[in-house]
Amino acid sequence: LDSLSNGLYVLPGVVAYAAVEGVAPPASAVAGAWLWAMGMHTF
C-alpha cells in the first residue's frame, strides 16, 4: 500500500490535463505513470 499510494505524484498531471482539455488523459498513460511512481517510491 505504501508503494501503490504513491501514485499521488501522478494526480497533479491528471488535474492539469483535465483543467486544459476538460477530459481525462489516456488511461494507459495514467496507469503507466502510476506504475512508474510505484517503482520510484520503492526504489
Full PDB file with SEQRES, HELIX, SHEET, SSBOND, CRYST1, ORIGX, SCALE, CONECT and MASTER records, all heavy atoms in Angstrom:
SEQRES   1 A   43  LEU ASP SER LEU SER ASN GLY LEU TYR VAL LEU PRO GLY          
SEQRES   2 A   43  VAL VAL ALA TYR ALA ALA VAL GLU GLY VAL ALA PRO PRO          
SEQRES   3 A   43  ALA SER ALA VAL ALA GLY ALA TRP LEU TRP ALA MET GLY          
SEQRES   4 A   43  MET HIS THR PHE                                              
HELIX    1 AA1 LEU A    4  TYR A    9  5                                   6    
HELIX    2 AA2 LEU A   11  GLU A   21  1                                  11    
HELIX    3 AA3 ALA A   27  THR A   42  1                                  16    
CRYST1    1.000    1.000    1.000  90.00  90.00  90.00 P 1           1          
ORIGX1      1.000000  0.000000  0.000000        0.00000                         
ORIGX2      0.000000  1.000000  0.000000        0.00000                         
ORIGX3      0.000000  0.000000  1.000000        0.00000                         
SCALE1      1.000000  0.000000  0.000000        0.00000                         
SCALE2      0.000000  1.000000  0.000000        0.00000                         
SCALE3      0.000000  0.000000  1.000000        0.00000                         
ATOM      1  N   LEU A   1       0.833  -1.206   0.000  1.00  0.00           N  
ATOM      2  CA  LEU A   1       0.000   0.000   0.000  1.00  0.00           C  
ATOM      3  C   LEU A   1       0.868   1.256   0.000  1.00  0.00           C  
ATOM      4  O   LEU A   1       0.461   2.283  -0.562  1.00  0.00           O  
ATOM      5  CB  LEU A   1      -0.944   0.007   1.195  1.00  0.00           C  
ATOM      6  CG  LEU A   1      -2.122  -0.958   1.144  1.00  0.00           C  
ATOM      7  CD1 LEU A   1      -2.987  -0.821   2.389  1.00  0.00           C  
ATOM      8  CD2 LEU A   1      -2.954  -0.738  -0.112  1.00  0.00           C  
ATOM      9  N   ASP A   2       2.039   1.195   0.626  1.00  0.00           N  
ATOM     10  CA  ASP A   2       2.926   2.355   0.589  1.00  0.00           C  
ATOM     11  C   ASP A   2       3.347   2.652  -0.838  1.00  0.00           C  
ATOM     12  O   ASP A   2       3.400   3.802  -1.270  1.00  0.00           O  
ATOM     13  CB  ASP A   2       4.144   2.134   1.498  1.00  0.00           C  
ATOM     14  CG  ASP A   2       5.015   0.970   1.056  1.00  0.00           C  
ATOM     15  OD1 ASP A   2       4.467   0.000   0.488  1.00  0.00           O  
ATOM     16  OD2 ASP A   2       6.234   1.013   1.286  1.00  0.00           O  
ATOM     17  N   SER A   3       3.630   1.607  -1.588  1.00  0.00           N  
ATOM     18  CA  SER A   3       4.018   1.760  -2.991  1.00  0.00           C  
ATOM     19  C   SER A   3       2.831   2.208  -3.841  1.00  0.00           C  
ATOM     20  O   SER A   3       2.922   3.177  -4.614  1.00  0.00           O  
ATOM     21  CB  SER A   3       4.569   0.430  -3.499  1.00  0.00           C  
ATOM     22  OG  SER A   3       4.903   0.485  -4.864  1.00  0.00           O  
ATOM     23  N   LEU A   4       1.712   1.523  -3.696  1.00  0.00           N  
ATOM     24  CA  LEU A   4       0.527   1.820  -4.503  1.00  0.00           C  
ATOM     25  C   LEU A   4       0.035   3.242  -4.287  1.00  0.00           C  
ATOM     26  O   LEU A   4      -0.360   3.933  -5.237  1.00  0.00           O  
ATOM     27  CB  LEU A   4      -0.577   0.819  -4.157  1.00  0.00           C  
ATOM     28  CG  LEU A   4      -1.858   0.875  -4.986  1.00  0.00           C  
ATOM     29  CD1 LEU A   4      -1.561   0.561  -6.440  1.00  0.00           C  
ATOM     30  CD2 LEU A   4      -2.884  -0.113  -4.430  1.00  0.00           C  
ATOM     31  N   SER A   5       0.059   3.717  -3.048  1.00  0.00           N  
ATOM     32  CA  SER A   5      -0.470   5.047  -2.751  1.00  0.00           C  
ATOM     33  C   SER A   5       0.383   6.168  -3.337  1.00  0.00           C  
ATOM     34  O   SER A   5      -0.082   7.300  -3.439  1.00  0.00           O  
ATOM     35  CB  SER A   5      -0.601   5.241  -1.236  1.00  0.00           C  
ATOM     36  OG  SER A   5       0.664   5.191  -0.611  1.00  0.00           O  
ATOM     37  N   ASN A   6       1.614   5.850  -3.746  1.00  0.00           N  
ATOM     38  CA  ASN A   6       2.463   6.907  -4.283  1.00  0.00           C  
ATOM     39  C   ASN A   6       2.140   7.290  -5.715  1.00  0.00           C  
ATOM     40  O   ASN A   6       2.820   8.122  -6.302  1.00  0.00           O  
ATOM     41  CB  ASN A   6       3.935   6.540  -4.121  1.00  0.00           C  
ATOM     42  CG  ASN A   6       4.546   7.231  -2.923  1.00  0.00           C  
ATOM     43  OD1 ASN A   6       5.342   8.145  -3.044  1.00  0.00           O  
ATOM     44  ND2 ASN A   6       4.120   6.831  -1.729  1.00  0.00           N  
ATOM     45  N   GLY A   7       1.089   6.689  -6.242  1.00  0.00           N  
ATOM     46  CA  GLY A   7       0.530   7.233  -7.466  1.00  0.00           C  
ATOM     47  C   GLY A   7       0.033   8.657  -7.275  1.00  0.00           C  
ATOM     48  O   GLY A   7      -0.316   9.341  -8.247  1.00  0.00           O  
ATOM     49  N   LEU A   8       0.024   9.122  -6.036  1.00  0.00           N  
ATOM     50  CA  LEU A   8      -0.369  10.510  -5.754  1.00  0.00           C  
ATOM     51  C   LEU A   8       0.455  11.495  -6.568  1.00  0.00           C  
ATOM     52  O   LEU A   8       0.000  12.604  -6.874  1.00  0.00           O  
ATOM     53  CB  LEU A   8      -0.275  10.810  -4.262  1.00  0.00           C  
ATOM     54  CG  LEU A   8       1.104  10.861  -3.583  1.00  0.00           C  
ATOM     55  CD1 LEU A   8       1.700  12.278  -3.614  1.00  0.00           C  
ATOM     56  CD2 LEU A   8       1.000  10.401  -2.134  1.00  0.00           C  
ATOM     57  N   TYR A   9       1.697  11.112  -6.920  1.00  0.00           N  
ATOM     58  CA  TYR A   9       2.546  12.007  -7.701  1.00  0.00           C  
ATOM     59  C   TYR A   9       2.062  12.150  -9.141  1.00  0.00           C  
ATOM     60  O   TYR A   9       2.464  13.079  -9.841  1.00  0.00           O  
ATOM     61  CB  TYR A   9       3.989  11.508  -7.687  1.00  0.00           C  
ATOM     62  CG  TYR A   9       4.686  11.741  -6.375  1.00  0.00           C  
ATOM     63  CD1 TYR A   9       4.740  10.753  -5.398  1.00  0.00           C  
ATOM     64  CD2 TYR A   9       5.280  12.967  -6.094  1.00  0.00           C  
ATOM     65  CE1 TYR A   9       5.366  10.970  -4.177  1.00  0.00           C  
ATOM     66  CE2 TYR A   9       5.911  13.197  -4.885  1.00  0.00           C  
ATOM     67  CZ  TYR A   9       5.943  12.193  -3.931  1.00  0.00           C  
ATOM     68  OH  TYR A   9       6.562  12.419  -2.723  1.00  0.00           O  
ATOM     69  N   VAL A  10       1.215  11.245  -9.591  1.00  0.00           N  
ATOM     70  CA  VAL A  10       0.667  11.314 -10.948  1.00  0.00           C  
ATOM     71  C   VAL A  10      -0.538  12.237 -11.013  1.00  0.00           C  
ATOM     72  O   VAL A  10      -0.811  12.862 -12.052  1.00  0.00           O  
ATOM     73  CB  VAL A  10       0.275   9.890 -11.413  1.00  0.00           C  
ATOM     74  CG1 VAL A  10      -0.342   9.914 -12.810  1.00  0.00           C  
ATOM     75  CG2 VAL A  10       1.475   8.958 -11.359  1.00  0.00           C  
ATOM     76  N   LEU A  11      -1.263  12.342  -9.908  1.00  0.00           N  
ATOM     77  CA  LEU A  11      -2.542  13.052  -9.921  1.00  0.00           C  
ATOM     78  C   LEU A  11      -2.446  14.535 -10.285  1.00  0.00           C  
ATOM     79  O   LEU A  11      -3.372  15.061 -10.921  1.00  0.00           O  
ATOM     80  CB  LEU A  11      -3.249  12.863  -8.584  1.00  0.00           C  
ATOM     81  CG  LEU A  11      -3.708  11.419  -8.334  1.00  0.00           C  
ATOM     82  CD1 LEU A  11      -4.330  11.276  -6.950  1.00  0.00           C  
ATOM     83  CD2 LEU A  11      -4.703  10.970  -9.404  1.00  0.00           C  
ATOM     84  N   PRO A  12      -1.374  15.277  -9.928  1.00  0.00           N  
ATOM     85  CA  PRO A  12      -1.290  16.657 -10.422  1.00  0.00           C  
ATOM     86  C   PRO A  12      -1.320  16.753 -11.945  1.00  0.00           C  
ATOM     87  O   PRO A  12      -1.887  17.692 -12.512  1.00  0.00           O  
ATOM     88  CB  PRO A  12       0.054  17.147  -9.858  1.00  0.00           C  
ATOM     89  CG  PRO A  12       0.235  16.345  -8.610  1.00  0.00           C  
ATOM     90  CD  PRO A  12      -0.309  14.986  -8.945  1.00  0.00           C  
ATOM     91  N   GLY A  13      -0.722  15.751 -12.614  1.00  0.00           N  
ATOM     92  CA  GLY A  13      -0.775  15.736 -14.074  1.00  0.00           C  
ATOM     93  C   GLY A  13      -2.180  15.497 -14.582  1.00  0.00           C  
ATOM     94  O   GLY A  13      -2.604  16.082 -15.593  1.00  0.00           O  
ATOM     95  N   VAL A  14      -2.939  14.642 -13.893  1.00  0.00           N  
ATOM     96  CA  VAL A  14      -4.334  14.393 -14.268  1.00  0.00           C  
ATOM     97  C   VAL A  14      -5.160  15.658 -14.064  1.00  0.00           C  
ATOM     98  O   VAL A  14      -5.986  16.029 -14.910  1.00  0.00           O  
ATOM     99  CB  VAL A  14      -4.915  13.230 -13.446  1.00  0.00           C  
ATOM    100  CG1 VAL A  14      -6.392  13.022 -13.776  1.00  0.00           C  
ATOM    101  CG2 VAL A  14      -4.126  11.941 -13.696  1.00  0.00           C  
ATOM    102  N   VAL A  15      -4.926  16.337 -12.941  1.00  0.00           N  
ATOM    103  CA  VAL A  15      -5.634  17.592 -12.665  1.00  0.00           C  
ATOM    104  C   VAL A  15      -5.342  18.609 -13.772  1.00  0.00           C  
ATOM    105  O   VAL A  15      -6.267  19.256 -14.296  1.00  0.00           O  
ATOM    106  CB  VAL A  15      -5.206  18.166 -11.297  1.00  0.00           C  
ATOM    107  CG1 VAL A  15      -5.780  19.574 -11.094  1.00  0.00           C  
ATOM    108  CG2 VAL A  15      -5.655  17.251 -10.161  1.00  0.00           C  
ATOM    109  N   ALA A  16      -4.077  18.752 -14.126  1.00  0.00           N  
ATOM    110  CA  ALA A  16      -3.689  19.747 -15.128  1.00  0.00           C  
ATOM    111  C   ALA A  16      -4.265  19.407 -16.504  1.00  0.00           C  
ATOM    112  O   ALA A  16      -4.750  20.295 -17.228  1.00  0.00           O  
ATOM    113  CB  ALA A  16      -2.168  19.838 -15.195  1.00  0.00           C  
ATOM    114  N   TYR A  17      -4.197  18.146 -16.890  1.00  0.00           N  
ATOM    115  CA  TYR A  17      -4.745  17.727 -18.186  1.00  0.00           C  
ATOM    116  C   TYR A  17      -6.243  18.013 -18.244  1.00  0.00           C  
ATOM    117  O   TYR A  17      -6.751  18.578 -19.226  1.00  0.00           O  
ATOM    118  CB  TYR A  17      -4.473  16.246 -18.402  1.00  0.00           C  
ATOM    119  CG  TYR A  17      -4.794  15.746 -19.795  1.00  0.00           C  
ATOM    120  CD1 TYR A  17      -3.779  15.612 -20.737  1.00  0.00           C  
ATOM    121  CD2 TYR A  17      -6.095  15.404 -20.168  1.00  0.00           C  
ATOM    122  CE1 TYR A  17      -4.060  15.141 -22.024  1.00  0.00           C  
ATOM    123  CE2 TYR A  17      -6.385  14.945 -21.437  1.00  0.00           C  
ATOM    124  CZ  TYR A  17      -5.364  14.815 -22.358  1.00  0.00           C  
ATOM    125  OH  TYR A  17      -5.645  14.361 -23.627  1.00  0.00           O  
ATOM    126  N   ALA A  18      -6.952  17.643 -17.176  1.00  0.00           N  
ATOM    127  CA  ALA A  18      -8.397  17.887 -17.142  1.00  0.00           C  
ATOM    128  C   ALA A  18      -8.718  19.377 -17.152  1.00  0.00           C  
ATOM    129  O   ALA A  18      -9.709  19.802 -17.739  1.00  0.00           O  
ATOM    130  CB  ALA A  18      -8.995  17.224 -15.901  1.00  0.00           C  
ATOM    131  N   ALA A  19      -7.875  20.179 -16.499  1.00  0.00           N  
ATOM    132  CA  ALA A  19      -8.110  21.622 -16.448  1.00  0.00           C  
ATOM    133  C   ALA A  19      -8.061  22.245 -17.829  1.00  0.00           C  
ATOM    134  O   ALA A  19      -8.829  23.167 -18.143  1.00  0.00           O  
ATOM    135  CB  ALA A  19      -7.068  22.281 -15.542  1.00  0.00           C  
ATOM    136  N   VAL A  20      -7.158  21.745 -18.688  1.00  0.00           N  
ATOM    137  CA  VAL A  20      -6.983  22.328 -20.021  1.00  0.00           C  
ATOM    138  C   VAL A  20      -7.893  21.681 -21.053  1.00  0.00           C  
ATOM    139  O   VAL A  20      -8.532  22.359 -21.863  1.00  0.00           O  
ATOM    140  CB  VAL A  20      -5.506  22.211 -20.466  1.00  0.00           C  
ATOM    141  CG1 VAL A  20      -5.329  22.691 -21.907  1.00  0.00           C  
ATOM    142  CG2 VAL A  20      -4.611  23.015 -19.532  1.00  0.00           C  
ATOM    143  N   GLU A  21      -7.968  20.345 -21.024  1.00  0.00           N  
ATOM    144  CA  GLU A  21      -8.693  19.604 -22.056  1.00  0.00           C  
ATOM    145  C   GLU A  21     -10.136  19.324 -21.670  1.00  0.00           C  
ATOM    146  O   GLU A  21     -10.990  19.089 -22.535  1.00  0.00           O  
ATOM    147  CB  GLU A  21      -7.960  18.294 -22.352  1.00  0.00           C  
ATOM    148  CG  GLU A  21      -8.481  17.506 -23.526  1.00  0.00           C  
ATOM    149  CD  GLU A  21      -8.191  18.160 -24.874  1.00  0.00           C  
ATOM    150  OE1 GLU A  21      -7.464  19.178 -24.905  1.00  0.00           O  
ATOM    151  OE2 GLU A  21      -8.700  17.665 -25.889  1.00  0.00           O  
ATOM    152  N   GLY A  22     -10.425  19.305 -20.377  1.00  0.00           N  
ATOM    153  CA  GLY A  22     -11.783  19.053 -19.918  1.00  0.00           C  
ATOM    154  C   GLY A  22     -12.158  17.593 -19.831  1.00  0.00           C  
ATOM    155  O   GLY A  22     -13.280  17.265 -19.429  1.00  0.00           O  
ATOM    156  N   VAL A  23     -11.249  16.704 -20.198  1.00  0.00           N  
ATOM    157  CA  VAL A  23     -11.492  15.257 -20.138  1.00  0.00           C  
ATOM    158  C   VAL A  23     -10.293  14.585 -19.502  1.00  0.00           C  
ATOM    159  O   VAL A  23      -9.259  15.215 -19.242  1.00  0.00           O  
ATOM    160  CB  VAL A  23     -11.742  14.665 -21.547  1.00  0.00           C  
ATOM    161  CG1 VAL A  23     -12.993  15.255 -22.172  1.00  0.00           C  
ATOM    162  CG2 VAL A  23     -10.534  14.889 -22.447  1.00  0.00           C  
ATOM    163  N   ALA A  24     -10.404  13.276 -19.284  1.00  0.00           N  
ATOM    164  CA  ALA A  24      -9.313  12.528 -18.670  1.00  0.00           C  
ATOM    165  C   ALA A  24      -8.194  12.272 -19.671  1.00  0.00           C  
ATOM    166  O   ALA A  24      -8.443  12.126 -20.876  1.00  0.00           O  
ATOM    167  CB  ALA A  24      -9.834  11.194 -18.138  1.00  0.00           C  
ATOM    168  N   PRO A  25      -6.951  12.215 -19.213  1.00  0.00           N  
ATOM    169  CA  PRO A  25      -5.868  11.772 -20.088  1.00  0.00           C  
ATOM    170  C   PRO A  25      -6.050  10.303 -20.422  1.00  0.00           C  
ATOM    171  O   PRO A  25      -6.848   9.602 -19.771  1.00  0.00           O  
ATOM    172  CB  PRO A  25      -4.610  12.012 -19.237  1.00  0.00           C  
ATOM    173  CG  PRO A  25      -5.090  11.994 -17.830  1.00  0.00           C  
ATOM    174  CD  PRO A  25      -6.485  12.519 -17.851  1.00  0.00           C  
ATOM    175  N   PRO A  26      -5.344   9.772 -21.413  1.00  0.00           N  
ATOM    176  CA  PRO A  26      -5.477   8.341 -21.749  1.00  0.00           C  
ATOM    177  C   PRO A  26      -5.230   7.460 -20.535  1.00  0.00           C  
ATOM    178  O   PRO A  26      -4.278   7.673 -19.782  1.00  0.00           O  
ATOM    179  CB  PRO A  26      -4.399   8.135 -22.818  1.00  0.00           C  
ATOM    180  CG  PRO A  26      -4.202   9.487 -23.426  1.00  0.00           C  
ATOM    181  CD  PRO A  26      -4.401  10.468 -22.313  1.00  0.00           C  
ATOM    182  N   ALA A  27      -6.092   6.457 -20.355  1.00  0.00           N  
ATOM    183  CA  ALA A  27      -5.972   5.576 -19.192  1.00  0.00           C  
ATOM    184  C   ALA A  27      -4.632   4.861 -19.169  1.00  0.00           C  
ATOM    185  O   ALA A  27      -4.059   4.632 -18.092  1.00  0.00           O  
ATOM    186  CB  ALA A  27      -7.116   4.564 -19.208  1.00  0.00           C  
ATOM    187  N   SER A  28      -4.110   4.512 -20.346  1.00  0.00           N  
ATOM    188  CA  SER A  28      -2.820   3.817 -20.387  1.00  0.00           C  
ATOM    189  C   SER A  28      -1.692   4.718 -19.899  1.00  0.00           C  
ATOM    190  O   SER A  28      -0.742   4.238 -19.261  1.00  0.00           O  
ATOM    191  CB  SER A  28      -2.529   3.332 -21.809  1.00  0.00           C  
ATOM    192  OG  SER A  28      -2.541   4.416 -22.729  1.00  0.00           O  
ATOM    193  N   ALA A  29      -1.787   6.019 -20.167  1.00  0.00           N  
ATOM    194  CA  ALA A  29      -0.757   6.943 -19.693  1.00  0.00           C  
ATOM    195  C   ALA A  29      -0.817   7.085 -18.183  1.00  0.00           C  
ATOM    196  O   ALA A  29       0.222   7.102 -17.504  1.00  0.00           O  
ATOM    197  CB  ALA A  29      -0.930   8.311 -20.365  1.00  0.00           C  
ATOM    198  N   VAL A  30      -2.021   7.175 -17.644  1.00  0.00           N  
ATOM    199  CA  VAL A  30      -2.171   7.290 -16.190  1.00  0.00           C  
ATOM    200  C   VAL A  30      -1.691   6.009 -15.506  1.00  0.00           C  
ATOM    201  O   VAL A  30      -0.956   6.048 -14.516  1.00  0.00           O  
ATOM    202  CB  VAL A  30      -3.637   7.587 -15.808  1.00  0.00           C  
ATOM    203  CG1 VAL A  30      -3.800   7.611 -14.292  1.00  0.00           C  
ATOM    204  CG2 VAL A  30      -4.082   8.924 -16.410  1.00  0.00           C  
ATOM    205  N   ALA A  31      -2.094   4.851 -16.043  1.00  0.00           N  
ATOM    206  CA  ALA A  31      -1.684   3.579 -15.449  1.00  0.00           C  
ATOM    207  C   ALA A  31      -0.171   3.394 -15.535  1.00  0.00           C  
ATOM    208  O   ALA A  31       0.472   2.948 -14.570  1.00  0.00           O  
ATOM    209  CB  ALA A  31      -2.396   2.420 -16.136  1.00  0.00           C  
ATOM    210  N   GLY A  32       0.415   3.744 -16.675  1.00  0.00           N  
ATOM    211  CA  GLY A  32       1.864   3.620 -16.820  1.00  0.00           C  
ATOM    212  C   GLY A  32       2.602   4.530 -15.867  1.00  0.00           C  
ATOM    213  O   GLY A  32       3.600   4.123 -15.241  1.00  0.00           O  
ATOM    214  N   ALA A  33       2.120   5.761 -15.732  1.00  0.00           N  
ATOM    215  CA  ALA A  33       2.754   6.704 -14.809  1.00  0.00           C  
ATOM    216  C   ALA A  33       2.599   6.233 -13.369  1.00  0.00           C  
ATOM    217  O   ALA A  33       3.515   6.388 -12.548  1.00  0.00           O  
ATOM    218  CB  ALA A  33       2.150   8.094 -14.987  1.00  0.00           C  
ATOM    219  N   TRP A  34       1.452   5.643 -13.055  1.00  0.00           N  
ATOM    220  CA  TRP A  34       1.219   5.152 -11.684  1.00  0.00           C  
ATOM    221  C   TRP A  34       2.199   4.027 -11.352  1.00  0.00           C  
ATOM    222  O   TRP A  34       2.786   4.010 -10.269  1.00  0.00           O  
ATOM    223  CB  TRP A  34      -0.217   4.659 -11.547  1.00  0.00           C  
ATOM    224  CG  TRP A  34      -0.731   4.660 -10.135  1.00  0.00           C  
ATOM    225  CD1 TRP A  34      -0.390   3.782  -9.137  1.00  0.00           C  
ATOM    226  CD2 TRP A  34      -1.659   5.588  -9.562  1.00  0.00           C  
ATOM    227  NE1 TRP A  34      -1.050   4.101  -7.981  1.00  0.00           N  
ATOM    228  CE2 TRP A  34      -1.839   5.206  -8.205  1.00  0.00           C  
ATOM    229  CE3 TRP A  34      -2.358   6.691 -10.050  1.00  0.00           C  
ATOM    230  CZ2 TRP A  34      -2.689   5.890  -7.345  1.00  0.00           C  
ATOM    231  CZ3 TRP A  34      -3.214   7.363  -9.198  1.00  0.00           C  
ATOM    232  CH2 TRP A  34      -3.376   6.968  -7.865  1.00  0.00           C  
ATOM    233  N   LEU A  35       2.399   3.122 -12.290  1.00  0.00           N  
ATOM    234  CA  LEU A  35       3.362   2.038 -12.089  1.00  0.00           C  
ATOM    235  C   LEU A  35       4.776   2.586 -11.953  1.00  0.00           C  
ATOM    236  O   LEU A  35       5.576   2.091 -11.146  1.00  0.00           O  
ATOM    237  CB  LEU A  35       3.282   1.055 -13.257  1.00  0.00           C  
ATOM    238  CG  LEU A  35       2.050   0.148 -13.259  1.00  0.00           C  
ATOM    239  CD1 LEU A  35       1.830  -0.444 -14.649  1.00  0.00           C  
ATOM    240  CD2 LEU A  35       2.208  -0.966 -12.231  1.00  0.00           C  
ATOM    241  N   TRP A  36       5.102   3.601 -12.751  1.00  0.00           N  
ATOM    242  CA  TRP A  36       6.421   4.242 -12.621  1.00  0.00           C  
ATOM    243  C   TRP A  36       6.580   4.805 -11.212  1.00  0.00           C  
ATOM    244  O   TRP A  36       7.631   4.637 -10.577  1.00  0.00           O  
ATOM    245  CB  TRP A  36       6.577   5.366 -13.639  1.00  0.00           C  
ATOM    246  CG  TRP A  36       7.756   6.226 -13.330  1.00  0.00           C  
ATOM    247  CD1 TRP A  36       9.051   5.992 -13.675  1.00  0.00           C  
ATOM    248  CD2 TRP A  36       7.767   7.440 -12.551  1.00  0.00           C  
ATOM    249  NE1 TRP A  36       9.872   6.979 -13.162  1.00  0.00           N  
ATOM    250  CE2 TRP A  36       9.113   7.864 -12.474  1.00  0.00           C  
ATOM    251  CE3 TRP A  36       6.781   8.195 -11.917  1.00  0.00           C  
ATOM    252  CZ2 TRP A  36       9.477   9.036 -11.789  1.00  0.00           C  
ATOM    253  CZ3 TRP A  36       7.146   9.335 -11.235  1.00  0.00           C  
ATOM    254  CH2 TRP A  36       8.475   9.750 -11.181  1.00  0.00           C  
ATOM    255  N   ALA A  37       5.551   5.497 -10.706  1.00  0.00           N  
ATOM    256  CA  ALA A  37       5.626   6.094  -9.373  1.00  0.00           C  
ATOM    257  C   ALA A  37       5.774   5.022  -8.298  1.00  0.00           C  
ATOM    258  O   ALA A  37       6.500   5.219  -7.309  1.00  0.00           O  
ATOM    259  CB  ALA A  37       4.380   6.948  -9.110  1.00  0.00           C  
ATOM    260  N   MET A  38       5.121   3.900  -8.470  1.00  0.00           N  
ATOM    261  CA  MET A  38       5.267   2.809  -7.512  1.00  0.00           C  
ATOM    262  C   MET A  38       6.718   2.326  -7.451  1.00  0.00           C  
ATOM    263  O   MET A  38       7.286   2.118  -6.375  1.00  0.00           O  
ATOM    264  CB  MET A  38       4.341   1.649  -7.886  1.00  0.00           C  
ATOM    265  CG  MET A  38       2.868   1.930  -7.689  1.00  0.00           C  
ATOM    266  SD  MET A  38       1.789   0.624  -8.358  1.00  0.00           S  
ATOM    267  CE  MET A  38       2.308  -0.779  -7.368  1.00  0.00           C  
ATOM    268  N   GLY A  39       7.320   2.152  -8.622  1.00  0.00           N  
ATOM    269  CA  GLY A  39       8.718   1.734  -8.653  1.00  0.00           C  
ATOM    270  C   GLY A  39       9.641   2.776  -8.075  1.00  0.00           C  
ATOM    271  O   GLY A  39      10.577   2.464  -7.326  1.00  0.00           O  
ATOM    272  N   MET A  40       9.379   4.045  -8.403  1.00  0.00           N  
ATOM    273  CA  MET A  40      10.241   5.116  -7.925  1.00  0.00           C  
ATOM    274  C   MET A  40      10.176   5.238  -6.411  1.00  0.00           C  
ATOM    275  O   MET A  40      11.196   5.409  -5.734  1.00  0.00           O  
ATOM    276  CB  MET A  40       9.827   6.437  -8.584  1.00  0.00           C  
ATOM    277  CG  MET A  40      10.781   7.600  -8.370  1.00  0.00           C  
ATOM    278  SD  MET A  40      12.366   7.354  -9.177  1.00  0.00           S  
ATOM    279  CE  MET A  40      13.449   7.216  -7.778  1.00  0.00           C  
ATOM    280  N   HIS A  41       8.978   5.155  -5.859  1.00  0.00           N  
ATOM    281  CA  HIS A  41       8.833   5.246  -4.408  1.00  0.00           C  
ATOM    282  C   HIS A  41       9.584   4.116  -3.710  1.00  0.00           C  
ATOM    283  O   HIS A  41      10.315   4.338  -2.740  1.00  0.00           O  
ATOM    284  CB  HIS A  41       7.364   5.182  -4.006  1.00  0.00           C  
ATOM    285  CG  HIS A  41       7.169   4.938  -2.545  1.00  0.00           C  
ATOM    286  ND1 HIS A  41       6.985   3.664  -2.034  1.00  0.00           N  
ATOM    287  CD2 HIS A  41       7.172   5.770  -1.476  1.00  0.00           C  
ATOM    288  CE1 HIS A  41       6.880   3.734  -0.714  1.00  0.00           C  
ATOM    289  NE2 HIS A  41       6.988   5.003  -0.350  1.00  0.00           N  
ATOM    290  N   THR A  42       9.418   2.895  -4.205  1.00  0.00           N  
ATOM    291  CA  THR A  42      10.033   1.753  -3.534  1.00  0.00           C  
ATOM    292  C   THR A  42      11.545   1.773  -3.701  1.00  0.00           C  
ATOM    293  O   THR A  42      12.282   1.419  -2.772  1.00  0.00           O  
ATOM    294  CB  THR A  42       9.440   0.443  -4.079  1.00  0.00           C  
ATOM    295  OG1 THR A  42       8.000   0.526  -3.992  1.00  0.00           O  
ATOM    296  CG2 THR A  42       9.903  -0.748  -3.267  1.00  0.00           C  
ATOM    297  N   PHE A  43      12.021   2.222  -4.845  1.00  0.00           N  
ATOM    298  CA  PHE A  43      13.462   2.372  -5.033  1.00  0.00           C  
ATOM    299  C   PHE A  43      14.026   3.374  -4.027  1.00  0.00           C  
ATOM    300  O   PHE A  43      15.082   3.146  -3.426  1.00  0.00           O  
ATOM    301  CB  PHE A  43      13.756   2.839  -6.456  1.00  0.00           C  
ATOM    302  CG  PHE A  43      15.215   2.944  -6.776  1.00  0.00           C  
ATOM    303  CD1 PHE A  43      15.935   1.833  -7.186  1.00  0.00           C  
ATOM    304  CD2 PHE A  43      15.883   4.158  -6.668  1.00  0.00           C  
ATOM    305  CE1 PHE A  43      17.289   1.927  -7.473  1.00  0.00           C  
ATOM    306  CE2 PHE A  43      17.218   4.263  -6.949  1.00  0.00           C  
ATOM    307  CZ  PHE A  43      17.929   3.146  -7.361  1.00  0.00           C  
TER     308      PHE A  43                                                      
MASTER        0    0    0    3    0    0    0    6  307    1    0    4          
END                                                                             
